[in-house]
Amino acid sequence: MSALIRVDLMLREAVDTPYSDLVTRPTGAAVRDRVLTEMRDFSDDDAQLDFSEVGLMDFSCADEVIAKLLVAILEQPLQRLMLRGVHHNHADAIEHALARYDLVIVAIGIESPEPHLLGSAPDDWRDAFRMLIRMGRAAAPPVAEALCWPVPRTVDALQGLARRRCVVAYPDATFDLGAVA
């Protein structure tokens, strides 16, 4: 099970405000610092940032809270960070912020429970990710067959997703989305 971090609560703890909007770079930096502190206090391999109660989010906050947070945790043992409750208006700011750093993250939108990728991901990664959603845990050969791709192309896509912590790679050479519930 993933640790759930409610971003609206982190905002209220980091900045004395009655609002649930993530605007201004200093606000984003304060929330990021609060989230990092929270992440150090739990032992789960996965964490989910819940944006479902966040109102507006501007680019500078997406940059501070998500992109810079992903960069900061690259050296931590955390297996994966995912986003939950992402509103359509959040997704645009997040996409733009992640593209600046060539980062990608798994997100679950408020409008749809199906996971998707936000940020910089080649089309092959996106196609392989969508296939894993349909197939569940699988090795590269069945995914390649379902996509009508050569196995090496599929392995490259799945390993790329695993390196970016978007899927879980297991010792038996299978991959899946891991804990998304």
Protein backbone atom coordinates (compact mmCIF):
# COMPACT_ATOMS: atom_id res chain seq x y z
CA MET A 1 0.00 0.00 0.00
CA SER A 2 1.23 3.47 -0.84
CA ALA A 3 1.60 6.23 1.69
CA LEU A 4 -0.92 8.97 0.86
CA ILE A 5 0.13 12.60 1.28
CA ARG A 6 -2.66 15.14 1.00
CA VAL A 7 -1.17 18.20 -0.68
CA ASP A 8 -3.95 20.49 0.60
CA LEU A 9 -2.95 19.62 4.19
CA MET A 10 0.74 20.16 3.39
CA LEU A 11 -0.20 23.58 2.00
CA ARG A 12 -2.05 24.54 5.18
CA GLU A 13 0.83 23.32 7.36
CA ALA A 14 3.51 25.04 5.26
CA VAL A 15 1.75 28.37 4.71
CA ASP A 16 -0.80 30.01 6.96
CA THR A 17 -3.64 30.28 4.46
CA PRO A 18 -7.31 29.31 4.37
CA TYR A 19 -7.07 28.70 0.60
CA SER A 20 -6.34 25.47 -1.23
CA ASP A 21 -4.65 27.08 -4.24
CA LEU A 22 -1.01 26.41 -5.06
CA VAL A 23 0.26 29.69 -6.41
CA THR A 24 3.63 31.46 -6.19
CA ARG A 25 7.06 29.89 -6.18
CA PRO A 26 7.71 30.47 -2.44
CA THR A 27 4.45 28.65 -1.61
CA GLY A 28 5.45 25.74 -3.83
CA ALA A 29 8.91 25.54 -2.26
CA ALA A 30 7.39 25.55 1.25
CA VAL A 31 4.96 22.77 0.31
CA ARG A 32 7.77 20.73 -1.29
CA ASP A 33 9.85 21.02 1.88
CA ARG A 34 6.87 19.92 3.97
CA VAL A 35 6.23 16.94 1.66
CA LEU A 36 9.90 15.90 1.84
CA THR A 37 9.75 16.01 5.63
CA GLU A 38 6.58 13.89 5.57
CA MET A 39 8.19 11.37 3.20
CA ARG A 40 11.15 10.89 5.53
CA ASP A 41 8.75 9.83 8.29
CA PHE A 42 7.30 6.77 6.56
CA SER A 43 8.82 3.52 5.41
CA ASP A 44 6.60 2.67 2.42
CA ASP A 45 8.25 2.10 -0.94
CA ASP A 46 5.55 4.07 -2.77
CA ALA A 47 4.00 7.44 -2.06
CA GLN A 48 1.05 9.20 -3.63
CA LEU A 49 0.53 12.94 -3.61
CA ASP A 50 -3.20 13.61 -3.45
CA PHE A 51 -4.24 16.79 -5.26
CA SER A 52 -8.00 16.15 -5.14
CA GLU A 53 -8.64 19.02 -2.70
CA VAL A 54 -6.23 21.47 -4.34
CA GLY A 55 -7.86 24.30 -6.28
CA LEU A 56 -5.64 26.18 -8.69
CA MET A 57 -2.04 25.27 -9.38
CA ASP A 58 0.19 27.56 -11.37
CA PHE A 59 3.31 26.57 -13.28
CA SER A 60 5.70 27.80 -10.59
CA CYS A 61 4.06 25.58 -7.96
CA ALA A 62 3.99 22.59 -10.32
CA ASP A 63 7.70 23.20 -10.85
CA GLU A 64 8.46 23.48 -7.12
CA VAL A 65 6.11 20.82 -5.74
CA ILE A 66 6.37 18.12 -8.41
CA ALA A 67 9.37 18.58 -10.72
CA LYS A 68 11.86 19.63 -8.05
CA LEU A 69 10.44 17.04 -5.65
CA LEU A 70 11.09 14.29 -8.22
CA VAL A 71 14.65 15.53 -8.65
CA ALA A 72 15.13 15.63 -4.86
CA ILE A 73 13.99 12.06 -4.30
CA LEU A 74 16.08 10.47 -7.06
CA GLU A 75 18.69 9.53 -4.46
CA GLN A 76 16.16 8.27 -1.90
CA PRO A 77 15.18 4.62 -1.55
CA LEU A 78 11.57 5.48 -2.35
CA GLN A 79 10.56 3.21 -5.20
CA ARG A 80 7.95 5.48 -6.73
CA LEU A 81 6.02 8.70 -6.38
CA MET A 82 2.62 9.01 -8.03
CA LEU A 83 -0.01 11.72 -8.28
CA ARG A 84 -3.66 11.17 -7.41
CA GLY A 85 -6.69 13.42 -7.80
CA VAL A 86 -5.11 15.51 -10.55
CA HIS A 87 -7.59 17.97 -12.04
CA HIS A 88 -7.44 18.82 -15.73
CA ASN A 89 -6.14 22.32 -14.98
CA HIS A 90 -3.34 20.83 -12.81
CA ALA A 91 -2.24 18.49 -15.59
CA ASP A 92 -1.28 21.33 -17.96
CA ALA A 93 0.99 22.99 -15.40
CA ILE A 94 2.49 19.64 -14.36
CA GLU A 95 3.19 18.61 -17.97
CA HIS A 96 4.97 21.89 -18.64
CA ALA A 97 7.03 21.72 -15.44
CA LEU A 98 8.10 18.10 -15.95
CA ALA A 99 9.05 18.74 -19.58
CA ARG A 100 11.62 21.32 -18.43
CA TYR A 101 13.47 18.61 -16.49
CA ASP A 102 12.79 15.71 -18.88
CA LEU A 103 10.81 13.95 -16.14
CA VAL A 104 7.73 11.74 -16.20
CA ILE A 105 5.32 10.63 -13.49
CA VAL A 106 2.26 8.40 -13.14
CA ALA A 107 -0.94 10.31 -12.43
CA ILE A 108 -4.53 9.37 -11.72
CA GLY A 109 -6.95 12.08 -12.70
CA ILE A 110 -9.95 13.23 -10.72
CA GLU A 111 -12.14 12.64 -13.79
CA SER A 112 -10.84 9.13 -14.60
CA PRO A 113 -9.40 6.41 -12.35
CA GLU A 114 -7.11 5.06 -15.10
CA PRO A 115 -3.43 5.86 -14.54
CA HIS A 116 -1.62 7.82 -17.23
CA LEU A 117 1.76 9.45 -17.74
CA LEU A 118 2.43 13.15 -17.34
CA GLY A 119 5.63 14.76 -18.56
CA SER A 120 8.35 13.74 -20.99
CA ALA A 121 7.79 10.21 -22.20
CA PRO A 122 8.39 8.83 -25.69
CA ASP A 123 5.39 7.40 -27.49
CA ASP A 124 6.78 3.87 -27.02
CA TRP A 125 6.77 4.34 -23.25
CA ARG A 126 3.19 5.58 -23.33
CA ASP A 127 2.06 2.67 -25.51
CA ALA A 128 3.82 0.09 -23.31
CA PHE A 129 2.37 1.73 -20.19
CA ARG A 130 -1.17 1.56 -21.57
CA MET A 131 -0.65 -2.09 -22.49
CA LEU A 132 0.48 -2.90 -18.94
CA ILE A 133 -2.73 -1.29 -17.69
CA ARG A 134 -4.68 -3.75 -19.82
CA MET A 135 -2.51 -6.80 -19.20
CA GLY A 136 -1.42 -6.40 -15.61
CA ARG A 137 1.91 -7.87 -14.56
CA ALA A 138 3.67 -9.19 -17.65
CA ALA A 139 7.05 -9.96 -19.18
CA ALA A 140 8.25 -8.13 -22.28
CA PRO A 141 7.47 -10.88 -24.85
CA PRO A 142 3.68 -10.94 -24.28
CA VAL A 143 3.61 -7.13 -24.21
CA ALA A 144 5.61 -7.08 -27.46
CA GLU A 145 3.20 -9.53 -29.04
CA ALA A 146 0.18 -7.47 -27.98
CA LEU A 147 1.78 -4.31 -29.39
CA CYS A 148 3.07 -6.06 -32.54
CA TRP A 149 6.58 -4.88 -31.68
CA PRO A 150 9.95 -6.62 -31.60
CA VAL A 151 10.87 -7.75 -28.08
CA PRO A 152 13.98 -5.49 -27.81
CA ARG A 153 11.85 -2.40 -28.52
CA THR A 154 9.42 -3.45 -25.81
CA VAL A 155 12.22 -4.17 -23.33
CA ASP A 156 13.67 -0.70 -23.98
CA ALA A 157 10.28 0.94 -23.32
CA LEU A 158 9.55 -1.06 -20.16
CA GLN A 159 13.05 -0.57 -18.77
CA GLY A 160 12.83 3.15 -19.50
CA LEU A 161 9.58 3.31 -17.54
CA ALA A 162 11.15 1.33 -14.70
CA ARG A 163 14.21 3.62 -14.57
CA ARG A 164 11.86 6.59 -14.23
CA ARG A 165 9.90 4.74 -11.51
CA CYS A 166 6.69 4.66 -13.54
CA VAL A 167 6.43 0.88 -13.45
CA VAL A 168 7.89 -1.74 -11.16
CA ALA A 169 10.48 -4.15 -12.58
CA TYR A 170 10.66 -7.50 -10.81
CA PRO A 171 13.60 -9.95 -10.63
CA ASP A 172 11.63 -12.45 -12.76
CA ALA A 173 11.76 -9.95 -15.71
CA THR A 174 8.11 -8.95 -15.36
CA PHE A 175 6.73 -5.44 -15.04
CA ASP A 176 3.56 -3.90 -13.65
CA LEU A 177 2.12 -0.67 -12.36
CA GLY A 178 2.60 -1.62 -8.72
CA ALA A 179 0.35 -0.08 -6.10
CA VAL A 180 -2.03 2.31 -7.80
CA ALA A 181 -5.05 1.74 -5.56
